Amino acid sequence: MARLSWPADVIAERTALVAIPLARVRERERGFNQSALLATELGKFWRVPVWSGVVERGRATQTQTRLTPTERSSNVAGAFRATEGARATLRGAHIILVDDVITTGSTLNACAETLFTAGARILSYVTFGRAPASGDRTGP
């Protein structure tokens, strides 16, 4: 992830990294947020700050692993909210949104919509891996 090639304008203007937040109960169960750990290490490598307090998961959602693409979108719709005071921080920012795995992009898109509505100007995504979606072809 750290060695990704980004366009020069993205490198020049990226403001901060933001990890996809977990619901509090899920983070307590796991003991960590894997996206936050990835964001922290990327921030060190890229010398870009990590903003951990600008967005939160307002409600717990079911795991996305067994849901269809349509169910995934519905599951995370409205699940994120900007935190108190986030608008001033996010205004005009180019945020790199960090997640561990992307399948359909539903989680990233729902979180990005929240950040954009709260004032972020540009959102880019970076993920560790890509899981196959239900419609992906697995053979030749």
N, C-alpha and C. Protein backbone atom coordinates (compact mmCIF):
# COMPACT_ATOMS: atom_id res chain seq x y z
N MET A 1 0.83 -1.19 0.00
CA MET A 1 0.00 0.00 0.00
C MET A 1 0.87 1.26 0.00
N ALA A 2 1.92 1.22 0.78
CA ALA A 2 2.77 2.40 0.91
C ALA A 2 3.49 2.73 -0.39
N ARG A 3 3.70 1.73 -1.23
CA ARG A 3 4.44 1.94 -2.47
C ARG A 3 3.54 2.27 -3.67
N LEU A 4 2.28 2.49 -3.43
CA LEU A 4 1.37 2.85 -4.53
C LEU A 4 1.86 4.10 -5.24
N SER A 5 1.67 4.11 -6.53
CA SER A 5 1.99 5.30 -7.31
C SER A 5 0.74 6.17 -7.38
N TRP A 6 0.85 7.38 -6.89
CA TRP A 6 -0.25 8.33 -6.93
C TRP A 6 0.10 9.42 -7.93
N PRO A 7 -0.88 10.01 -8.57
CA PRO A 7 -0.59 11.17 -9.42
C PRO A 7 0.04 12.29 -8.60
N ALA A 8 0.87 13.08 -9.24
CA ALA A 8 1.60 14.15 -8.54
C ALA A 8 0.66 15.11 -7.82
N ASP A 9 -0.50 15.42 -8.43
CA ASP A 9 -1.42 16.36 -7.77
C ASP A 9 -2.00 15.77 -6.48
N VAL A 10 -2.23 14.47 -6.45
CA VAL A 10 -2.73 13.84 -5.23
C VAL A 10 -1.66 13.90 -4.14
N ILE A 11 -0.44 13.59 -4.50
CA ILE A 11 0.65 13.64 -3.52
C ILE A 11 0.80 15.06 -2.97
N ALA A 12 0.70 16.04 -3.83
CA ALA A 12 0.89 17.43 -3.41
C ALA A 12 -0.24 17.95 -2.53
N GLU A 13 -1.46 17.48 -2.76
CA GLU A 13 -2.59 18.10 -2.06
C GLU A 13 -3.27 17.23 -1.02
N ARG A 14 -2.86 15.96 -0.86
CA ARG A 14 -3.52 15.13 0.15
C ARG A 14 -3.32 15.75 1.53
N THR A 15 -4.42 15.88 2.23
CA THR A 15 -4.42 16.57 3.51
C THR A 15 -4.23 15.62 4.68
N ALA A 16 -4.97 14.51 4.65
CA ALA A 16 -4.94 13.57 5.77
C ALA A 16 -5.49 12.22 5.36
N LEU A 17 -5.17 11.23 6.17
CA LEU A 17 -5.74 9.89 6.03
C LEU A 17 -6.84 9.75 7.06
N VAL A 18 -7.93 9.08 6.68
CA VAL A 18 -9.02 8.78 7.60
C VAL A 18 -9.35 7.30 7.43
N ALA A 19 -9.33 6.57 8.53
CA ALA A 19 -9.66 5.14 8.49
C ALA A 19 -11.16 4.95 8.61
N ILE A 20 -11.68 3.93 7.93
CA ILE A 20 -13.08 3.56 8.09
C ILE A 20 -13.27 3.16 9.55
N PRO A 21 -14.18 3.83 10.26
CA PRO A 21 -14.37 3.48 11.68
C PRO A 21 -15.22 2.22 11.85
N LEU A 22 -14.93 1.49 12.91
CA LEU A 22 -15.75 0.34 13.30
C LEU A 22 -16.79 0.82 14.31
N ALA A 23 -17.86 0.08 14.45
CA ALA A 23 -18.80 0.33 15.54
C ALA A 23 -18.07 0.04 16.85
N ARG A 24 -18.42 0.76 17.89
CA ARG A 24 -17.71 0.59 19.18
C ARG A 24 -17.73 -0.86 19.65
N VAL A 25 -18.89 -1.50 19.52
CA VAL A 25 -19.00 -2.89 19.99
C VAL A 25 -18.08 -3.80 19.19
N ARG A 26 -17.98 -3.60 17.89
CA ARG A 26 -17.11 -4.43 17.06
C ARG A 26 -15.63 -4.20 17.40
N GLU A 27 -15.27 -2.95 17.65
CA GLU A 27 -13.87 -2.67 18.00
C GLU A 27 -13.53 -3.27 19.37
N ARG A 28 -14.49 -3.24 20.28
CA ARG A 28 -14.25 -3.87 21.59
C ARG A 28 -14.05 -5.37 21.43
N GLU A 29 -14.87 -6.00 20.57
CA GLU A 29 -14.74 -7.44 20.34
C GLU A 29 -13.36 -7.79 19.78
N ARG A 30 -12.91 -7.04 18.78
CA ARG A 30 -11.64 -7.32 18.11
C ARG A 30 -10.44 -6.84 18.91
N GLY A 31 -10.63 -5.72 19.59
CA GLY A 31 -9.53 -5.12 20.33
C GLY A 31 -8.72 -4.14 19.50
N PHE A 32 -9.10 -3.94 18.25
CA PHE A 32 -8.40 -3.01 17.36
C PHE A 32 -9.25 -2.75 16.13
N ASN A 33 -8.89 -1.71 15.41
CA ASN A 33 -9.51 -1.40 14.11
C ASN A 33 -8.40 -1.57 13.07
N GLN A 34 -8.51 -2.60 12.25
CA GLN A 34 -7.46 -2.89 11.29
C GLN A 34 -7.24 -1.76 10.30
N SER A 35 -8.30 -1.06 9.91
CA SER A 35 -8.15 0.08 8.99
C SER A 35 -7.37 1.21 9.65
N ALA A 36 -7.61 1.42 10.93
CA ALA A 36 -6.87 2.46 11.66
C ALA A 36 -5.39 2.11 11.77
N LEU A 37 -5.09 0.84 11.98
CA LEU A 37 -3.68 0.42 12.03
C LEU A 37 -3.00 0.65 10.68
N LEU A 38 -3.69 0.31 9.60
CA LEU A 38 -3.14 0.55 8.26
C LEU A 38 -2.93 2.05 8.03
N ALA A 39 -3.91 2.86 8.40
CA ALA A 39 -3.80 4.32 8.21
C ALA A 39 -2.63 4.88 9.00
N THR A 40 -2.44 4.42 10.22
CA THR A 40 -1.33 4.90 11.05
C THR A 40 0.02 4.63 10.39
N GLU A 41 0.20 3.43 9.88
CA GLU A 41 1.47 3.09 9.24
C GLU A 41 1.66 3.83 7.92
N LEU A 42 0.59 3.97 7.14
CA LEU A 42 0.68 4.73 5.90
C LEU A 42 1.01 6.19 6.18
N GLY A 43 0.39 6.74 7.22
CA GLY A 43 0.66 8.13 7.58
C GLY A 43 2.12 8.36 7.91
N LYS A 44 2.73 7.43 8.62
CA LYS A 44 4.15 7.54 8.94
C LYS A 44 4.99 7.49 7.66
N PHE A 45 4.68 6.55 6.80
CA PHE A 45 5.45 6.35 5.58
C PHE A 45 5.30 7.54 4.63
N TRP A 46 4.07 8.03 4.46
CA TRP A 46 3.81 9.13 3.53
C TRP A 46 3.99 10.50 4.17
N ARG A 47 4.21 10.53 5.49
CA ARG A 47 4.31 11.80 6.23
C ARG A 47 3.05 12.65 6.05
N VAL A 48 1.91 11.98 6.22
CA VAL A 48 0.60 12.61 6.12
C VAL A 48 -0.13 12.34 7.44
N PRO A 49 -0.77 13.35 8.02
CA PRO A 49 -1.47 13.11 9.30
C PRO A 49 -2.64 12.16 9.15
N VAL A 50 -2.95 11.48 10.24
CA VAL A 50 -4.12 10.60 10.32
C VAL A 50 -5.14 11.30 11.22
N TRP A 51 -6.32 11.53 10.68
CA TRP A 51 -7.39 12.17 11.46
C TRP A 51 -8.34 11.09 11.95
N SER A 52 -8.28 10.80 13.23
CA SER A 52 -9.11 9.73 13.77
C SER A 52 -10.43 10.22 14.36
N GLY A 53 -10.60 11.49 14.49
CA GLY A 53 -11.80 11.98 15.17
C GLY A 53 -12.78 12.75 14.31
N VAL A 54 -12.80 12.54 13.00
CA VAL A 54 -13.69 13.33 12.16
C VAL A 54 -14.94 12.60 11.71
N VAL A 55 -14.92 11.28 11.76
CA VAL A 55 -16.09 10.49 11.37
C VAL A 55 -16.21 9.30 12.30
N GLU A 56 -17.45 8.92 12.57
CA GLU A 56 -17.69 7.75 13.41
C GLU A 56 -18.84 6.95 12.83
N ARG A 57 -18.88 5.71 13.25
CA ARG A 57 -19.99 4.85 12.84
C ARG A 57 -21.10 5.11 13.84
N GLY A 58 -22.18 5.66 13.37
CA GLY A 58 -23.28 6.03 14.25
C GLY A 58 -24.12 4.87 14.71
N ARG A 59 -24.04 3.77 13.99
CA ARG A 59 -24.78 2.57 14.38
C ARG A 59 -24.00 1.35 13.92
N ALA A 60 -24.19 0.28 14.65
CA ALA A 60 -23.55 -0.98 14.27
C ALA A 60 -24.26 -1.52 13.02
N THR A 61 -23.50 -2.15 12.16
CA THR A 61 -24.05 -2.77 10.96
C THR A 61 -23.69 -4.24 10.98
N GLN A 62 -24.45 -5.04 10.25
CA GLN A 62 -24.07 -6.44 10.18
C GLN A 62 -22.84 -6.60 9.30
N THR A 63 -22.14 -7.69 9.50
CA THR A 63 -20.97 -7.94 8.67
C THR A 63 -21.38 -8.00 7.21
N GLN A 64 -20.54 -7.47 6.34
CA GLN A 64 -20.87 -7.39 4.92
C GLN A 64 -20.55 -8.69 4.17
N THR A 65 -19.85 -9.60 4.80
CA THR A 65 -19.29 -10.75 4.09
C THR A 65 -20.32 -11.64 3.41
N ARG A 66 -21.51 -11.75 3.94
CA ARG A 66 -22.50 -12.66 3.35
C ARG A 66 -23.64 -11.93 2.66
N LEU A 67 -23.49 -10.64 2.43
CA LEU A 67 -24.56 -9.85 1.83
C LEU A 67 -24.35 -9.66 0.34
N THR A 68 -25.45 -9.50 -0.38
CA THR A 68 -25.38 -9.19 -1.81
C THR A 68 -24.95 -7.73 -1.96
N PRO A 69 -24.54 -7.33 -3.16
CA PRO A 69 -24.18 -5.93 -3.36
C PRO A 69 -25.29 -4.95 -2.95
N THR A 70 -26.53 -5.24 -3.27
CA THR A 70 -27.63 -4.36 -2.89
C THR A 70 -27.80 -4.33 -1.38
N GLU A 71 -27.71 -5.48 -0.75
CA GLU A 71 -27.83 -5.54 0.71
C GLU A 71 -26.69 -4.79 1.39
N ARG A 72 -25.50 -4.85 0.80
CA ARG A 72 -24.35 -4.13 1.37
C ARG A 72 -24.60 -2.63 1.39
N SER A 73 -25.10 -2.10 0.29
CA SER A 73 -25.38 -0.66 0.22
C SER A 73 -26.42 -0.26 1.26
N SER A 74 -27.48 -1.04 1.38
CA SER A 74 -28.53 -0.75 2.36
C SER A 74 -27.99 -0.86 3.78
N ASN A 75 -27.14 -1.84 4.01
CA ASN A 75 -26.60 -2.10 5.34
C ASN A 75 -25.80 -0.91 5.88
N VAL A 76 -25.03 -0.26 5.02
CA VAL A 76 -24.17 0.84 5.50
C VAL A 76 -24.75 2.23 5.21
N ALA A 77 -25.88 2.30 4.51
CA ALA A 77 -26.50 3.60 4.23
C ALA A 77 -26.82 4.31 5.54
N GLY A 78 -26.30 5.51 5.71
CA GLY A 78 -26.54 6.29 6.92
C GLY A 78 -25.83 5.80 8.16
N ALA A 79 -24.89 4.88 8.00
CA ALA A 79 -24.20 4.32 9.17
C ALA A 79 -23.12 5.23 9.73
N PHE A 80 -22.67 6.21 8.94
CA PHE A 80 -21.57 7.08 9.38
C PHE A 80 -22.06 8.49 9.64
N ARG A 81 -21.37 9.17 10.53
CA ARG A 81 -21.69 10.58 10.78
C ARG A 81 -20.40 11.32 11.13
N ALA A 82 -20.38 12.57 10.72
CA ALA A 82 -19.25 13.43 11.07
C ALA A 82 -19.35 13.75 12.55
N THR A 83 -18.22 13.85 13.20
CA THR A 83 -18.21 14.17 14.62
C THR A 83 -18.37 15.67 14.83
N GLU A 84 -18.67 16.03 16.04
CA GLU A 84 -18.81 17.44 16.42
C GLU A 84 -17.53 18.19 16.07
N GLY A 85 -17.65 19.28 15.37
CA GLY A 85 -16.50 20.10 15.01
C GLY A 85 -15.73 19.63 13.79
N ALA A 86 -16.16 18.52 13.16
CA ALA A 86 -15.43 17.98 12.01
C ALA A 86 -15.50 18.89 10.79
N ARG A 87 -16.56 19.64 10.65
CA ARG A 87 -16.73 20.49 9.45
C ARG A 87 -15.57 21.47 9.28
N ALA A 88 -15.15 22.10 10.36
CA ALA A 88 -14.04 23.06 10.27
C ALA A 88 -12.75 22.36 9.85
N THR A 89 -12.54 21.16 10.35
CA THR A 89 -11.34 20.40 10.02
C THR A 89 -11.37 19.93 8.57
N LEU A 90 -12.52 19.45 8.13
CA LEU A 90 -12.64 18.83 6.81
C LEU A 90 -12.78 19.83 5.67
N ARG A 91 -13.15 21.05 5.95
CA ARG A 91 -13.44 22.03 4.90
C ARG A 91 -12.30 22.14 3.89
N GLY A 92 -12.58 21.75 2.65
CA GLY A 92 -11.62 21.86 1.56
C GLY A 92 -10.54 20.80 1.52
N ALA A 93 -10.59 19.83 2.41
CA ALA A 93 -9.52 18.83 2.52
C ALA A 93 -9.60 17.76 1.44
N HIS A 94 -8.43 17.24 1.08
CA HIS A 94 -8.34 16.05 0.23
C HIS A 94 -8.03 14.89 1.17
N ILE A 95 -9.01 14.04 1.37
CA ILE A 95 -8.91 12.93 2.32
C ILE A 95 -8.60 11.64 1.57
N ILE A 96 -7.65 10.88 2.11
CA ILE A 96 -7.40 9.53 1.64
C ILE A 96 -8.11 8.61 2.63
N LEU A 97 -9.15 7.96 2.19
CA LEU A 97 -9.95 7.08 3.03
C LEU A 97 -9.34 5.68 2.99
N VAL A 98 -9.06 5.10 4.16
CA VAL A 98 -8.35 3.83 4.28
C VAL A 98 -9.29 2.74 4.78
N ASP A 99 -9.32 1.63 4.07
CA ASP A 99 -10.09 0.45 4.51
C ASP A 99 -9.21 -0.78 4.30
N ASP A 100 -9.55 -1.84 4.99
CA ASP A 100 -8.74 -3.05 4.85
C ASP A 100 -9.05 -3.80 3.57
N VAL A 101 -10.33 -4.00 3.27
CA VAL A 101 -10.72 -4.78 2.10
C VAL A 101 -11.89 -4.10 1.40
N ILE A 102 -11.86 -4.09 0.08
CA ILE A 102 -12.98 -3.58 -0.70
C ILE A 102 -13.60 -4.76 -1.47
N THR A 103 -14.92 -4.79 -1.47
CA THR A 103 -15.62 -5.77 -2.29
C THR A 103 -16.47 -5.00 -3.30
N THR A 104 -17.51 -4.36 -2.82
CA THR A 104 -18.38 -3.58 -3.73
C THR A 104 -18.12 -2.08 -3.62
N GLY A 105 -17.43 -1.65 -2.58
CA GLY A 105 -17.19 -0.23 -2.35
C GLY A 105 -18.29 0.44 -1.54
N SER A 106 -19.27 -0.30 -1.08
CA SER A 106 -20.40 0.27 -0.36
C SER A 106 -19.97 0.99 0.92
N THR A 107 -19.11 0.37 1.70
CA THR A 107 -18.66 0.98 2.95
C THR A 107 -17.86 2.25 2.67
N LEU A 108 -16.91 2.17 1.75
CA LEU A 108 -16.12 3.34 1.40
C LEU A 108 -17.01 4.47 0.88
N ASN A 109 -17.95 4.14 0.01
CA ASN A 109 -18.82 5.16 -0.56
C ASN A 109 -19.70 5.81 0.50
N ALA A 110 -20.24 5.02 1.43
CA ALA A 110 -21.09 5.59 2.48
C ALA A 110 -20.28 6.51 3.39
N CYS A 111 -19.08 6.11 3.74
CA CYS A 111 -18.23 6.95 4.59
C CYS A 111 -17.79 8.20 3.83
N ALA A 112 -17.43 8.04 2.56
CA ALA A 112 -17.01 9.18 1.74
C ALA A 112 -18.13 10.19 1.60
N GLU A 113 -19.34 9.72 1.43
CA GLU A 113 -20.49 10.64 1.33
C GLU A 113 -20.62 11.49 2.58
N THR A 114 -20.43 10.88 3.73
CA THR A 114 -20.48 11.61 5.00
C THR A 114 -19.38 12.67 5.07
N LEU A 115 -18.16 12.29 4.70
CA LEU A 115 -17.03 13.23 4.74
C LEU A 115 -17.23 14.37 3.74
N PHE A 116 -17.73 14.04 2.56
CA PHE A 116 -17.97 15.06 1.54
C PHE A 116 -19.05 16.04 2.01
N THR A 117 -20.12 15.51 2.55
CA THR A 117 -21.20 16.36 3.07
C THR A 117 -20.70 17.26 4.20
N ALA A 118 -19.72 16.76 4.96
CA ALA A 118 -19.16 17.54 6.07
C ALA A 118 -18.09 18.53 5.63
N GLY A 119 -17.77 18.57 4.33
CA GLY A 119 -16.86 19.60 3.85
C GLY A 119 -15.61 19.16 3.12
N ALA A 120 -15.30 17.85 3.12
CA ALA A 120 -14.13 17.40 2.37
C ALA A 120 -14.34 17.71 0.89
N ARG A 121 -13.28 18.15 0.22
CA ARG A 121 -13.38 18.55 -1.19
C ARG A 121 -13.13 17.38 -2.13
N ILE A 122 -12.14 16.55 -1.81
CA ILE A 122 -11.79 15.41 -2.65
C ILE A 122 -11.58 14.20 -1.74
N LEU A 123 -12.03 13.04 -2.21
CA LEU A 123 -11.81 11.79 -1.48
C LEU A 123 -11.16 10.78 -2.39
N SER A 124 -10.07 10.20 -1.92
CA SER A 124 -9.40 9.11 -2.62
C SER A 124 -9.47 7.90 -1.70
N TYR A 125 -9.42 6.71 -2.28
CA TYR A 125 -9.51 5.47 -1.50
C TYR A 125 -8.22 4.69 -1.62
N VAL A 126 -7.85 4.01 -0.53
CA VAL A 126 -6.77 3.04 -0.57
C VAL A 126 -7.20 1.87 0.32
N THR A 127 -7.01 0.65 -0.20
CA THR A 127 -7.36 -0.54 0.57
C THR A 127 -6.22 -1.54 0.49
N PHE A 128 -6.20 -2.42 1.46
CA PHE A 128 -5.17 -3.45 1.49
C PHE A 128 -5.45 -4.53 0.46
N GLY A 129 -6.70 -4.92 0.34
CA GLY A 129 -7.03 -6.01 -0.57
C GLY A 129 -8.40 -5.83 -1.19
N ARG A 130 -8.68 -6.71 -2.13
CA ARG A 130 -9.99 -6.70 -2.78
C ARG A 130 -10.55 -8.10 -2.69
N ALA A 131 -11.73 -8.21 -2.11
CA ALA A 131 -12.41 -9.50 -2.03
C ALA A 131 -13.28 -9.67 -3.27
N PRO A 132 -13.45 -10.90 -3.72
CA PRO A 132 -14.32 -11.09 -4.87
C PRO A 132 -15.76 -10.75 -4.53
N ALA A 133 -16.43 -10.07 -5.43
CA ALA A 133 -17.84 -9.76 -5.27
C ALA A 133 -18.68 -10.91 -5.81
N SER A 134 -19.94 -10.94 -5.47
CA SER A 134 -20.80 -12.06 -5.87
C SER A 134 -20.88 -12.23 -7.39
N GLY A 135 -20.73 -11.16 -8.16
CA GLY A 135 -20.82 -11.25 -9.61
C GLY A 135 -19.49 -11.48 -10.30
N ASP A 136 -18.40 -11.57 -9.55
CA ASP A 136 -17.08 -11.78 -10.16
C ASP A 136 -16.97 -13.16 -10.79
N ARG A 137 -16.26 -13.21 -11.89
CA ARG A 137 -15.98 -14.49 -12.54
C ARG A 137 -14.76 -15.10 -11.87
N THR A 138 -14.80 -16.38 -11.62
CA THR A 138 -13.68 -17.03 -10.94
C THR A 138 -12.83 -17.89 -11.87
N GLY A 139 -13.29 -18.14 -13.06
CA GLY A 139 -12.52 -18.98 -13.98
C GLY A 139 -12.28 -18.31 -15.29
N PRO A 140 -11.64 -19.02 -16.23
CA PRO A 140 -11.34 -18.43 -17.54
C PRO A 140 -12.56 -18.14 -18.37
